[in-house]
Amino acid sequence: MGSSDELIFRVDRADGAFAALASARAVVVERHFSPDQCARWVEGVYRARAVWTHDFGGEQFTLGRAFYTHFEEGRSRAYFAETAESDARVDAHAPGLQQAMRDLVARVVGESRAVQRRGWCGPGVHVFPPGGPVASRGGVHHFDTEGLAVHHVEKRRPAISLVAMLQTTETDGGLKVWDVRYDGRDHPKREELRARSATVTYGVGDVVLIDSYTLHQIQPFGGARERISATAHAAQIDMGLWECWF
């Protein structure tokens, strides 16, 4: 069961949620992870502060290496050289998170399994600090196409991003989505930013599902808490098989 609100569809079960993207730009799976589970993962993330990856000069951090930050900073070689170490850090400090995110992908797309993309880092955690650039002015308007193979994008084969909220901010910090699809340009036109849009709100344990080809942006937020979320990107590589990465 679910209720639609313009571009956002809210459901209470992950199973088959991918189908709702046919008529929405974001799907929220409410309370998928328990508050206790999220709290345990957040505690582990904080214990791992010394091994967080610093991105964009400390504008944001990750537990585990994220491809898009390394790609944009010209550090892709480091990403691919340390995939095993990255996964080991995530598993040591947030046990079970990577498998939980892979299992979630499989449930969302209605397939029997979702595997880790060979040679890539598994699901990881984003940390956006209070008072930082994202908190102050919001994130960059973007599509999640950086990690997709060229032929995958050219054929617009299915690809998604799943974001599980582990710790919410005190105010705002939602995810704004536009009724705009990727057309080969990484940056939206000014008129596209005036297109129909909606902002996803969520609680701890909620999961936000978006199509990788949908324009979106993290909104500014206030308060003293970090915005902490777990992310898995996934793409369909064959009928019945999806692969995941961070």
Protein backbone atom coordinates (compact mmCIF):
# COMPACT_ATOMS: atom_id res chain seq x y z
CA MET A 1 0.00 0.00 0.00
CA GLY A 2 1.15 3.54 -0.61
CA SER A 3 0.06 7.10 -1.22
CA SER A 4 1.25 9.40 -3.96
CA ASP A 5 2.03 13.08 -3.46
CA GLU A 6 2.95 14.74 -6.75
CA LEU A 7 6.37 13.32 -7.62
CA ILE A 8 6.85 11.32 -4.42
CA PHE A 9 5.34 7.93 -3.63
CA ARG A 10 5.43 6.52 -0.10
CA VAL A 11 5.20 2.80 0.64
CA ASP A 12 5.44 0.63 3.73
CA ARG A 13 7.21 -2.30 2.07
CA ALA A 14 10.36 -2.44 -0.03
CA ASP A 15 9.17 -5.33 -2.18
CA GLY A 16 8.75 -4.20 -5.77
CA ALA A 17 9.08 -0.49 -4.93
CA PHE A 18 11.06 0.00 -8.16
CA ALA A 19 7.83 -0.32 -10.15
CA ALA A 20 6.51 2.89 -8.55
CA LEU A 21 9.25 4.91 -10.30
CA ALA A 22 7.21 4.56 -13.49
CA SER A 23 4.93 7.31 -12.17
CA ALA A 24 7.06 9.03 -9.51
CA ARG A 25 10.49 10.60 -9.23
CA ALA A 26 11.18 9.29 -5.73
CA VAL A 27 9.83 6.44 -3.64
CA VAL A 28 10.13 6.42 0.15
CA VAL A 29 10.10 3.04 1.88
CA GLU A 30 9.05 4.05 5.36
CA ARG A 31 10.71 2.60 8.47
CA HIS A 32 12.57 -0.10 6.56
CA PHE A 33 15.39 -0.17 9.13
CA SER A 34 14.61 -0.04 12.84
CA PRO A 35 15.74 2.94 14.93
CA ASP A 36 17.86 0.60 17.04
CA GLN A 37 19.67 -0.79 14.00
CA CYS A 38 20.29 2.71 12.65
CA ALA A 39 21.60 3.83 16.04
CA ARG A 40 24.08 0.93 16.15
CA TRP A 41 25.36 1.75 12.68
CA VAL A 42 25.63 5.46 13.52
CA GLU A 43 27.57 4.64 16.69
CA GLY A 44 29.98 2.59 14.61
CA VAL A 45 30.32 5.37 12.04
CA TYR A 46 31.33 7.79 14.77
CA ARG A 47 33.81 5.31 16.24
CA ALA A 48 35.37 5.14 12.77
CA ARG A 49 35.87 8.91 12.51
CA ALA A 50 39.65 8.51 12.30
CA VAL A 51 39.30 6.46 9.10
CA TRP A 52 36.62 8.51 7.36
CA THR A 53 37.53 9.45 3.81
CA HIS A 54 37.72 13.26 3.46
CA ASP A 55 36.16 14.54 0.25
CA PHE A 56 36.26 17.99 -1.35
CA GLY A 57 38.54 19.40 1.32
CA GLY A 58 36.39 18.18 4.21
CA GLU A 59 33.06 19.38 2.80
CA GLN A 60 31.79 15.84 3.27
CA PHE A 61 33.05 12.49 4.52
CA THR A 62 32.44 8.83 3.88
CA LEU A 63 32.91 5.52 5.64
CA GLY A 64 34.02 3.48 2.66
CA ARG A 65 35.15 5.01 -0.61
CA ALA A 66 32.50 6.61 -2.86
CA PHE A 67 33.16 6.54 -6.58
CA TYR A 68 31.62 9.88 -7.51
CA THR A 69 33.78 11.86 -5.08
CA HIS A 70 36.96 10.15 -6.27
CA PHE A 71 35.96 10.58 -9.91
CA GLU A 72 35.28 14.29 -9.52
CA GLU A 73 38.52 14.84 -7.57
CA GLY A 74 40.65 12.89 -10.03
CA ARG A 75 41.34 10.11 -7.51
CA SER A 76 39.71 7.16 -9.29
CA ARG A 77 42.96 5.18 -9.10
CA ALA A 78 42.86 5.28 -5.30
CA TYR A 79 39.24 4.15 -5.32
CA PHE A 80 39.94 1.03 -7.37
CA ALA A 81 43.20 0.27 -5.58
CA GLU A 82 41.58 0.06 -2.15
CA THR A 83 38.22 -1.65 -2.64
CA ALA A 84 39.02 -4.49 -0.22
CA GLU A 85 40.23 -2.07 2.45
CA SER A 86 37.16 0.11 1.94
CA ASP A 87 34.76 -2.79 2.41
CA ALA A 88 36.69 -4.05 5.43
CA ARG A 89 36.37 -0.63 7.12
CA VAL A 90 32.63 -0.50 6.53
CA ASP A 91 32.08 -4.06 7.76
CA ALA A 92 34.26 -3.57 10.83
CA HIS A 93 32.45 -0.44 12.02
CA ALA A 94 28.94 -0.96 10.62
CA PRO A 95 28.55 -4.76 10.60
CA GLY A 96 25.88 -6.05 8.26
CA LEU A 97 25.24 -2.72 6.55
CA GLN A 98 26.65 -3.66 3.15
CA GLN A 99 24.73 -6.92 2.93
CA ALA A 100 21.57 -5.23 4.19
CA MET A 101 21.81 -2.67 1.40
CA ARG A 102 22.41 -5.36 -1.24
CA ASP A 103 19.44 -7.33 0.07
CA LEU A 104 17.38 -4.15 -0.06
CA VAL A 105 18.26 -3.62 -3.71
CA ALA A 106 17.08 -7.14 -4.52
CA ARG A 107 13.78 -6.59 -2.71
CA VAL A 108 13.17 -3.22 -4.32
CA VAL A 109 13.69 -4.46 -7.87
CA GLY A 110 11.91 -7.75 -7.21
CA GLU A 111 14.84 -9.99 -8.12
CA SER A 112 16.33 -12.95 -6.31
CA ARG A 113 19.73 -11.37 -5.83
CA ALA A 114 21.82 -8.25 -6.17
CA VAL A 115 25.58 -8.71 -6.24
CA GLN A 116 28.49 -6.41 -5.59
CA ARG A 117 29.99 -4.96 -8.74
CA ARG A 118 33.27 -6.69 -9.37
CA GLY A 119 36.28 -4.50 -8.60
CA TRP A 120 34.17 -1.72 -7.03
CA CYS A 121 33.54 -0.70 -3.42
CA GLY A 122 30.39 -1.97 -1.75
CA PRO A 123 27.67 0.20 -0.16
CA GLY A 124 28.97 2.84 2.22
CA VAL A 125 28.03 5.82 4.37
CA HIS A 126 27.91 9.55 3.61
CA VAL A 127 28.43 12.10 6.40
CA PHE A 128 27.57 15.75 5.80
CA PRO A 129 28.75 18.01 8.66
CA PRO A 130 26.61 20.77 10.19
CA GLY A 131 27.70 24.25 9.16
CA GLY A 132 29.44 22.93 6.05
CA PRO A 133 28.78 23.96 2.43
CA VAL A 134 26.00 21.39 1.91
CA ALA A 135 24.33 22.39 5.18
CA SER A 136 24.60 26.07 4.26
CA ARG A 137 23.53 26.08 0.62
CA GLY A 138 22.55 22.54 -0.32
CA GLY A 139 24.31 20.01 -2.48
CA VAL A 140 25.10 20.15 -6.18
CA HIS A 141 22.25 19.59 -8.63
CA HIS A 142 23.14 16.28 -10.24
CA PHE A 143 22.25 12.93 -11.74
CA ASP A 144 23.73 9.65 -10.46
CA THR A 145 25.29 8.59 -13.76
CA GLU A 146 29.03 8.83 -12.95
CA GLY A 147 29.45 5.15 -12.21
CA LEU A 148 27.41 3.83 -15.11
CA ALA A 149 29.08 2.30 -18.15
CA VAL A 150 28.84 4.40 -21.32
CA HIS A 151 26.78 1.81 -23.18
CA HIS A 152 24.47 1.48 -20.16
CA VAL A 153 23.74 5.21 -20.23
CA GLU A 154 23.37 5.34 -24.02
CA LYS A 155 20.69 2.66 -23.88
CA ARG A 156 19.17 4.12 -20.70
CA ARG A 157 19.22 0.72 -19.08
CA PRO A 158 17.71 0.58 -15.57
CA ALA A 159 19.77 2.11 -12.76
CA ILE A 160 18.81 3.29 -9.29
CA SER A 161 20.17 4.86 -6.12
CA LEU A 162 19.02 3.83 -2.65
CA VAL A 163 19.64 6.10 0.35
CA ALA A 164 18.88 4.86 3.86
CA MET A 165 18.64 7.61 6.46
CA LEU A 166 20.60 6.60 9.53
CA GLN A 167 20.62 9.98 11.28
CA THR A 168 18.45 12.91 10.30
CA THR A 169 19.29 16.56 10.79
CA GLU A 170 17.46 18.81 13.21
CA THR A 171 15.87 20.89 10.46
CA ASP A 172 15.35 20.36 6.74
CA GLY A 173 18.01 18.41 4.79
CA GLY A 174 15.51 16.68 2.53
CA LEU A 175 16.14 15.51 -1.02
CA LYS A 176 14.67 17.64 -3.80
CA VAL A 177 13.77 15.83 -7.01
CA TRP A 178 12.81 17.35 -10.35
CA ASP A 179 10.67 16.01 -13.14
CA VAL A 180 13.80 16.14 -15.29
CA ARG A 181 15.62 13.21 -16.87
CA TYR A 182 19.28 12.97 -17.86
CA ASP A 183 19.78 13.90 -21.52
CA GLY A 184 23.55 13.49 -21.80
CA ARG A 185 24.54 16.66 -19.95
CA ASP A 186 25.89 16.44 -16.40
CA HIS A 187 24.61 19.88 -15.42
CA PRO A 188 20.96 20.97 -15.75
CA LYS A 189 19.86 23.98 -17.77
CA ARG A 190 18.48 26.97 -15.90
CA GLU A 191 14.97 26.32 -17.21
CA GLU A 192 15.13 22.71 -16.02
CA LEU A 193 15.60 23.95 -12.46
CA ARG A 194 12.22 25.66 -12.86
CA ALA A 195 10.54 22.40 -13.80
CA ARG A 196 8.07 20.64 -11.54
CA SER A 197 9.80 19.46 -8.35
CA ALA A 198 9.14 18.13 -4.87
CA THR A 199 11.19 17.63 -1.71
CA VAL A 200 11.39 14.26 -0.02
CA THR A 201 11.18 14.29 3.77
CA TYR A 202 12.13 11.26 5.79
CA GLY A 203 12.75 9.86 9.24
CA VAL A 204 15.37 7.58 10.70
CA GLY A 205 15.18 4.18 9.00
CA ASP A 206 13.38 5.46 5.90
CA VAL A 207 14.86 4.57 2.52
CA VAL A 208 14.68 6.89 -0.49
CA LEU A 209 14.71 5.29 -3.93
CA ILE A 210 15.38 7.35 -7.07
CA ASP A 211 16.10 6.60 -10.69
CA SER A 212 19.77 7.34 -11.42
CA TYR A 213 18.71 9.46 -14.41
CA THR A 214 16.56 11.82 -12.27
CA LEU A 215 17.80 15.29 -11.32
CA HIS A 216 18.11 15.73 -7.56
CA GLN A 217 19.78 17.79 -4.83
CA ILE A 218 20.31 17.56 -1.05
CA GLN A 219 18.65 20.54 0.60
CA PRO A 220 20.31 22.83 3.17
CA PHE A 221 19.92 21.88 6.82
CA GLY A 222 20.38 23.34 10.27
CA GLY A 223 21.30 22.17 13.74
CA ALA A 224 24.32 20.51 15.29
CA ARG A 225 23.88 16.97 13.98
CA GLU A 226 25.58 15.42 10.97
CA ARG A 227 23.39 14.14 8.15
CA ILE A 228 24.32 10.44 7.94
CA SER A 229 23.03 8.07 5.29
CA ALA A 230 23.94 4.74 3.73
CA THR A 231 23.96 4.56 -0.07
CA ALA A 232 23.92 1.84 -2.69
CA HIS A 233 23.93 2.51 -6.42
CA ALA A 234 22.69 -0.33 -8.59
CA ALA A 235 22.31 -1.17 -12.27
CA GLN A 236 20.62 -4.00 -14.12
CA ILE A 237 23.28 -5.91 -16.02
CA ASP A 238 21.13 -8.85 -17.11
CA MET A 239 17.58 -10.07 -16.71
CA GLY A 240 17.22 -11.01 -13.06
CA LEU A 241 20.61 -9.68 -12.00
CA TRP A 242 21.56 -6.29 -10.59
CA GLU A 243 24.99 -5.18 -9.39
CA CYS A 244 25.70 -2.67 -6.59
CA TRP A 245 28.46 -0.25 -5.66
CA PHE A 246 29.18 2.93 -3.69
